[in-house]
Amino acid sequence: MPSAKILEQKKQIVAELTEKLQAAVAGVVVKYQGINTDEDTKLRKALREAGVEYKVYKNSAMARACEAAGYADLKPLFEGMTAIAYSAEDPIAPAKIIKEYADKVKTFEIKGGFIDGEVIDVAKVEALAATPSKPVLVCKIMGSMMSPLYGLAYALQAIIDKSGEAPAEEAPAEVAAE
């Protein structure tokens, strides 16, 4: 039986992980077996730059923390070599980066995840990873909003060009006399 000190440390780890999972908007559970050190370093760097935390905990600690955070359906995923990536800000970043590395390394596999308090399966994680980033979505929306205005401007210019009349030019500003 572990000592009281070790049990207290384990409880502290579970409490910290529970707090982080509750604050996270999204996360992905992965089987990280088969990834070499170089690839793992690149993965961790990419995740860090995107503001995503990636950790390997004991499966029992992750299962307890997920249950305490309201993600009890993730418990069956914590078998074998398991890691978790989660973000408190960007709901797409963990899925997008993990999917990129899962495509490169065949033994590195996505097991499931969560987003906005809901547990999601592998298919939904992959669909989330396929979602364009926020700046791209904003640009698409702005382009959609500007398209009718451009159409109106082109139509008005075509009417002006067809009528053969040039728009009236403004008179030059008078120079102030001294």
Protein backbone atom coordinates (compact mmCIF):
# COMPACT_ATOMS: atom_id res chain seq x y z
CA MET A 1 0.00 0.00 0.00
CA PRO A 2 1.44 3.40 -0.97
CA SER A 3 2.30 5.83 1.75
CA ALA A 4 0.09 8.78 2.66
CA LYS A 5 2.59 11.15 1.05
CA ILE A 6 2.45 9.36 -2.31
CA LEU A 7 -1.37 9.19 -2.19
CA GLU A 8 -1.49 12.92 -1.50
CA GLN A 9 0.79 13.60 -4.49
CA LYS A 10 -1.43 11.48 -6.73
CA LYS A 11 -4.55 13.28 -5.49
CA GLN A 12 -2.85 16.60 -6.21
CA ILE A 13 -2.01 15.51 -9.77
CA VAL A 14 -5.60 14.39 -10.37
CA ALA A 15 -6.96 17.66 -8.91
CA GLU A 16 -4.68 19.77 -11.12
CA LEU A 17 -5.57 17.78 -14.23
CA THR A 18 -9.29 18.00 -13.38
CA GLU A 19 -9.01 21.77 -13.05
CA LYS A 20 -7.20 22.06 -16.41
CA LEU A 21 -9.75 19.84 -18.16
CA GLN A 22 -12.65 21.85 -16.78
CA ALA A 23 -11.03 25.06 -18.05
CA ALA A 24 -10.29 23.54 -21.49
CA VAL A 25 -12.60 24.16 -24.43
CA ALA A 26 -11.38 21.09 -26.29
CA GLY A 27 -9.05 18.14 -26.00
CA VAL A 28 -7.88 15.03 -27.80
CA VAL A 29 -6.85 11.66 -26.35
CA VAL A 30 -4.16 9.84 -28.34
CA LYS A 31 -2.24 6.60 -28.37
CA TYR A 32 1.32 7.88 -28.74
CA GLN A 33 3.02 4.54 -29.32
CA GLY A 34 5.48 4.42 -32.20
CA ILE A 35 6.45 8.08 -32.29
CA ASN A 36 10.19 8.68 -32.17
CA THR A 37 11.91 11.38 -30.14
CA ASP A 38 12.41 13.75 -33.06
CA GLU A 39 8.75 13.58 -34.10
CA ASP A 40 7.62 13.89 -30.47
CA THR A 41 9.76 17.02 -30.03
CA LYS A 42 8.28 18.58 -33.19
CA LEU A 43 4.76 17.65 -32.05
CA ARG A 44 5.25 19.18 -28.61
CA LYS A 45 6.73 22.34 -30.13
CA ALA A 46 3.81 22.76 -32.55
CA LEU A 47 1.31 22.21 -29.74
CA ARG A 48 3.12 24.63 -27.42
CA GLU A 49 3.18 27.34 -30.11
CA ALA A 50 -0.58 26.91 -30.60
CA GLY A 51 -1.24 27.24 -26.85
CA VAL A 52 -2.10 23.56 -26.43
CA GLU A 53 -0.96 21.54 -23.43
CA TYR A 54 0.16 17.98 -24.18
CA LYS A 55 0.90 15.61 -21.32
CA VAL A 56 1.35 11.97 -20.57
CA TYR A 57 -0.16 10.96 -17.24
CA LYS A 58 -0.84 7.60 -15.69
CA ASN A 59 -4.00 6.15 -17.21
CA SER A 60 -5.66 5.82 -13.82
CA ALA A 61 -4.97 9.49 -13.02
CA MET A 62 -6.36 10.62 -16.40
CA ALA A 63 -9.44 8.43 -15.98
CA ARG A 64 -10.16 9.86 -12.52
CA ALA A 65 -9.58 13.43 -13.67
CA CYS A 66 -11.83 13.00 -16.72
CA GLU A 67 -14.57 11.53 -14.57
CA ALA A 68 -14.29 14.41 -12.10
CA ALA A 69 -14.31 16.95 -14.96
CA GLY A 70 -17.51 15.46 -16.41
CA TYR A 71 -15.96 13.41 -19.21
CA ALA A 72 -16.63 9.94 -17.78
CA ASP A 73 -17.22 8.55 -21.29
CA LEU A 74 -13.49 9.00 -21.98
CA LYS A 75 -12.50 6.48 -19.27
CA PRO A 76 -12.42 3.43 -21.60
CA LEU A 77 -9.87 5.21 -23.82
CA PHE A 78 -7.18 5.22 -21.14
CA GLU A 79 -5.47 1.95 -21.92
CA GLY A 80 -1.94 1.47 -23.21
CA MET A 81 0.34 4.38 -24.02
CA THR A 82 -2.06 7.30 -23.77
CA ALA A 83 -1.53 11.08 -23.80
CA ILE A 84 -3.90 14.02 -23.79
CA ALA A 85 -3.72 17.37 -25.58
CA TYR A 86 -6.08 20.17 -24.49
CA SER A 87 -6.52 23.87 -25.04
CA ALA A 88 -8.22 26.52 -22.93
CA GLU A 89 -8.54 28.94 -25.86
CA ASP A 90 -8.64 27.33 -29.31
CA PRO A 91 -11.10 24.46 -29.78
CA ILE A 92 -9.63 23.43 -33.14
CA ALA A 93 -5.86 23.53 -32.48
CA PRO A 94 -5.49 20.25 -30.52
CA ALA A 95 -7.42 18.23 -33.13
CA LYS A 96 -5.72 19.90 -36.11
CA ILE A 97 -2.14 19.40 -34.86
CA ILE A 98 -2.70 15.89 -33.50
CA LYS A 99 -4.41 14.83 -36.76
CA GLU A 100 -1.44 16.15 -38.75
CA TYR A 101 0.94 13.94 -36.76
CA ALA A 102 -1.42 10.96 -36.77
CA ASP A 103 -1.33 11.10 -40.58
CA LYS A 104 2.49 11.08 -40.56
CA VAL A 105 3.00 8.28 -38.00
CA LYS A 106 0.72 5.30 -38.59
CA THR A 107 1.05 3.91 -35.03
CA PHE A 108 0.16 7.32 -33.50
CA GLU A 109 -3.61 7.17 -33.28
CA ILE A 110 -6.46 9.40 -32.15
CA LYS A 111 -8.73 7.68 -29.62
CA GLY A 112 -11.34 10.38 -29.01
CA GLY A 113 -11.75 13.76 -27.41
CA PHE A 114 -14.05 16.42 -26.06
CA ILE A 115 -15.26 19.86 -27.05
CA ASP A 116 -17.41 22.30 -25.08
CA GLY A 117 -18.30 19.73 -22.42
CA GLU A 118 -19.24 16.98 -24.88
CA VAL A 119 -17.28 13.77 -25.47
CA ILE A 120 -16.64 13.14 -29.18
CA ASP A 121 -15.45 10.12 -31.13
CA VAL A 122 -12.56 9.80 -33.59
CA ALA A 123 -14.70 10.77 -36.60
CA LYS A 124 -15.77 14.02 -34.94
CA VAL A 125 -12.18 14.80 -33.91
CA GLU A 126 -11.09 14.33 -37.53
CA ALA A 127 -13.98 16.50 -38.77
CA LEU A 128 -12.95 19.16 -36.26
CA ALA A 129 -9.37 18.94 -37.53
CA ALA A 130 -10.63 19.57 -41.08
CA THR A 131 -12.27 22.84 -40.00
CA PRO A 132 -10.40 25.89 -41.29
CA SER A 133 -8.69 28.10 -38.72
CA LYS A 134 -10.44 31.14 -37.26
CA PRO A 135 -8.63 33.72 -39.46
CA VAL A 136 -9.57 31.75 -42.59
CA LEU A 137 -13.21 31.54 -41.49
CA VAL A 138 -13.28 35.28 -40.72
CA CYS A 139 -11.86 36.03 -44.18
CA LYS A 140 -14.49 33.83 -45.82
CA ILE A 141 -17.29 35.56 -43.93
CA MET A 142 -15.93 39.00 -44.78
CA GLY A 143 -15.61 37.99 -48.43
CA SER A 144 -19.21 36.80 -48.41
CA MET A 145 -20.33 40.09 -46.92
CA MET A 146 -18.33 42.16 -49.40
CA SER A 147 -19.42 40.20 -52.49
CA PRO A 148 -22.85 41.91 -52.89
CA LEU A 149 -21.21 45.32 -52.52
CA TYR A 150 -18.68 44.53 -55.22
CA GLY A 151 -21.50 43.29 -57.45
CA LEU A 152 -23.39 46.55 -56.96
CA ALA A 153 -20.27 48.61 -57.70
CA TYR A 154 -19.58 46.64 -60.90
CA ALA A 155 -23.22 46.99 -62.02
CA LEU A 156 -23.18 50.76 -61.43
CA GLN A 157 -19.89 51.08 -63.30
CA ALA A 158 -21.32 49.07 -66.20
CA ILE A 159 -24.32 51.43 -66.39
CA ILE A 160 -21.99 54.43 -66.43
CA ASP A 161 -19.76 52.85 -69.09
CA LYS A 162 -22.76 51.88 -71.24
CA SER A 163 -24.30 55.34 -71.17
CA GLY A 164 -21.00 56.83 -72.38
CA GLU A 165 -21.07 59.64 -69.90
CA ALA A 166 -18.02 60.29 -67.83
CA PRO A 167 -18.62 61.19 -64.22
CA ALA A 168 -18.46 64.90 -63.50
CA GLU A 169 -15.09 66.03 -62.29
CA GLU A 170 -14.80 68.28 -59.33
CA ALA A 171 -13.46 71.77 -59.82
CA PRO A 172 -9.98 72.25 -58.46
CA ALA A 173 -9.83 73.88 -55.07
CA GLU A 174 -9.15 77.63 -55.13
CA VAL A 175 -5.83 78.72 -53.83
CA ALA A 176 -6.27 81.08 -50.93
CA ALA A 177 -5.13 84.61 -51.74
CA GLU A 178 -2.63 86.21 -49.53
